[in-house]
Amino acid sequence: MTKNSQELAANATKIYEQRLKEELEKTHFDYFLAIEPDSGDHFLGGTLSEAAAAARKAHPGRRAFLLRVGHRTAVHIGAAHQ
């Protein structure tokens, strides 16, 4: 992860933890969330693509950080745990 990517992730995570987490985990658990950290704007979607597209549309040329509300990671790749 590059320094810019680390900063983007850290800034967006801070926004999520301080401003969004409590409410969104009650109202939009399992939704995907894109956070554009420079503006603080956030975008929800039923899929990762929907959230990313909404962020791109609102802020073309800027990068957004994507996560899944209520989860440690946005996606899980691999076998299911039994």
C-alpha atoms as a PDB file:
ATOM      1  CA  MET A   1       0.000   0.000   0.000  1.00  0.00           C
ATOM      2  CA  THR A   2       1.421   3.377  -0.956  1.00  0.00           C
ATOM      3  CA  LYS A   3       1.658   6.307   1.424  1.00  0.00           C
ATOM      4  CA  ASN A   4      -1.243   8.021  -0.374  1.00  0.00           C
ATOM      5  CA  SER A   5      -3.357   4.871  -0.111  1.00  0.00           C
ATOM      6  CA  GLN A   6      -2.543   4.553   3.582  1.00  0.00           C
ATOM      7  CA  GLU A   7      -3.536   8.170   4.186  1.00  0.00           C
ATOM      8  CA  LEU A   8      -6.761   7.736   2.214  1.00  0.00           C
ATOM      9  CA  ALA A   9      -7.649   4.631   4.227  1.00  0.00           C
ATOM     10  CA  ALA A  10      -6.742   6.254   7.551  1.00  0.00           C
ATOM     11  CA  ASN A  11      -8.731   9.424   6.835  1.00  0.00           C
ATOM     12  CA  ALA A  12     -11.788   7.542   5.609  1.00  0.00           C
ATOM     13  CA  THR A  13     -11.656   5.106   8.521  1.00  0.00           C
ATOM     14  CA  LYS A  14     -11.548   8.025  10.942  1.00  0.00           C
ATOM     15  CA  ILE A  15     -14.651   9.533   9.290  1.00  0.00           C
ATOM     16  CA  TYR A  16     -16.423   6.177   9.497  1.00  0.00           C
ATOM     17  CA  GLU A  17     -15.516   5.576  13.133  1.00  0.00           C
ATOM     18  CA  GLN A  18     -16.285   9.099  14.355  1.00  0.00           C
ATOM     19  CA  ARG A  19     -19.272  10.147  12.253  1.00  0.00           C
ATOM     20  CA  LEU A  20     -20.940   7.221  10.514  1.00  0.00           C
ATOM     21  CA  LYS A  21     -20.435   3.884  12.247  1.00  0.00           C
ATOM     22  CA  GLU A  22     -22.970   4.099  15.062  1.00  0.00           C
ATOM     23  CA  GLU A  23     -25.898   5.145  12.868  1.00  0.00           C
ATOM     24  CA  LEU A  24     -25.076   3.107   9.768  1.00  0.00           C
ATOM     25  CA  GLU A  25     -24.567  -0.125  11.699  1.00  0.00           C
ATOM     26  CA  LYS A  26     -28.124   0.302  13.019  1.00  0.00           C
ATOM     27  CA  THR A  27     -29.746   1.307   9.738  1.00  0.00           C
ATOM     28  CA  HIS A  28     -27.609  -0.080   6.885  1.00  0.00           C
ATOM     29  CA  PHE A  29     -25.758  -3.139   8.206  1.00  0.00           C
ATOM     30  CA  ASP A  30     -24.203  -5.188   5.349  1.00  0.00           C
ATOM     31  CA  TYR A  31     -24.440  -2.301   2.850  1.00  0.00           C
ATOM     32  CA  PHE A  32     -21.348  -1.185   0.986  1.00  0.00           C
ATOM     33  CA  LEU A  33     -20.014   2.268   1.737  1.00  0.00           C
ATOM     34  CA  ALA A  34     -17.717   4.553  -0.231  1.00  0.00           C
ATOM     35  CA  ILE A  35     -16.157   7.477   1.643  1.00  0.00           C
ATOM     36  CA  GLU A  36     -14.500  10.357  -0.190  1.00  0.00           C
ATOM     37  CA  PRO A  37     -12.247  11.589   2.616  1.00  0.00           C
ATOM     38  CA  ASP A  38     -11.441  15.091   1.333  1.00  0.00           C
ATOM     39  CA  SER A  39     -15.105  16.132   1.415  1.00  0.00           C
ATOM     40  CA  GLY A  40     -16.304  13.615   3.991  1.00  0.00           C
ATOM     41  CA  ASP A  41     -19.107  12.626   1.621  1.00  0.00           C
ATOM     42  CA  HIS A  42     -20.267   9.041   1.798  1.00  0.00           C
ATOM     43  CA  PHE A  43     -22.278   6.844  -0.544  1.00  0.00           C
ATOM     44  CA  LEU A  44     -24.173   3.650   0.216  1.00  0.00           C
ATOM     45  CA  GLY A  45     -24.926   0.827  -2.177  1.00  0.00           C
ATOM     46  CA  GLY A  46     -26.337  -2.659  -2.157  1.00  0.00           C
ATOM     47  CA  THR A  47     -23.207  -3.719  -4.017  1.00  0.00           C
ATOM     48  CA  LEU A  48     -19.609  -2.579  -3.980  1.00  0.00           C
ATOM     49  CA  SER A  49     -20.041  -1.343  -7.560  1.00  0.00           C
ATOM     50  CA  GLU A  50     -23.068   0.788  -6.675  1.00  0.00           C
ATOM     51  CA  ALA A  51     -21.274   2.544  -3.821  1.00  0.00           C
ATOM     52  CA  ALA A  52     -18.137   3.111  -5.923  1.00  0.00           C
ATOM     53  CA  ALA A  53     -20.138   4.421  -8.893  1.00  0.00           C
ATOM     54  CA  ALA A  54     -22.004   6.906  -6.709  1.00  0.00           C
ATOM     55  CA  ALA A  55     -18.729   8.236  -5.300  1.00  0.00           C
ATOM     56  CA  ARG A  56     -17.202   8.499  -8.801  1.00  0.00           C
ATOM     57  CA  LYS A  57     -20.245  10.335 -10.113  1.00  0.00           C
ATOM     58  CA  ALA A  58     -20.197  12.863  -7.270  1.00  0.00           C
ATOM     59  CA  HIS A  59     -16.408  13.297  -7.233  1.00  0.00           C
ATOM     60  CA  PRO A  60     -14.890  12.397 -10.622  1.00  0.00           C
ATOM     61  CA  GLY A  61     -11.134  12.008 -10.473  1.00  0.00           C
ATOM     62  CA  ARG A  62     -11.016  11.517  -6.708  1.00  0.00           C
ATOM     63  CA  ARG A  63     -10.413   8.252  -4.946  1.00  0.00           C
ATOM     64  CA  ALA A  64     -12.812   6.844  -2.393  1.00  0.00           C
ATOM     65  CA  PHE A  65     -12.320   4.260   0.319  1.00  0.00           C
ATOM     66  CA  LEU A  66     -14.748   1.339   0.229  1.00  0.00           C
ATOM     67  CA  LEU A  67     -15.898  -0.810   3.101  1.00  0.00           C
ATOM     68  CA  ARG A  68     -18.847  -2.877   4.199  1.00  0.00           C
ATOM     69  CA  VAL A  69     -20.912  -1.535   7.054  1.00  0.00           C
ATOM     70  CA  GLY A  70     -20.452  -3.663  10.157  1.00  0.00           C
ATOM     71  CA  HIS A  71     -17.577  -5.760   8.784  1.00  0.00           C
ATOM     72  CA  ARG A  72     -13.796  -5.673   9.089  1.00  0.00           C
ATOM     73  CA  THR A  73     -13.348  -5.974   5.317  1.00  0.00           C
ATOM     74  CA  ALA A  74     -15.393  -5.050   2.255  1.00  0.00           C
ATOM     75  CA  VAL A  75     -15.097  -8.505   0.690  1.00  0.00           C
ATOM     76  CA  HIS A  76     -13.932 -11.960   1.717  1.00  0.00           C
ATOM     77  CA  ILE A  77     -12.182 -14.146  -0.805  1.00  0.00           C
ATOM     78  CA  GLY A  78     -11.684 -17.813  -0.073  1.00  0.00           C
ATOM     79  CA  ALA A  79     -13.393 -20.792   1.431  1.00  0.00           C
ATOM     80  CA  ALA A  80     -16.085 -20.346   4.022  1.00  0.00           C
ATOM     81  CA  HIS A  81     -15.097 -21.084   7.608  1.00  0.00           C
ATOM     82  CA  GLN A  82     -16.809 -24.057   9.167  1.00  0.00           C
END
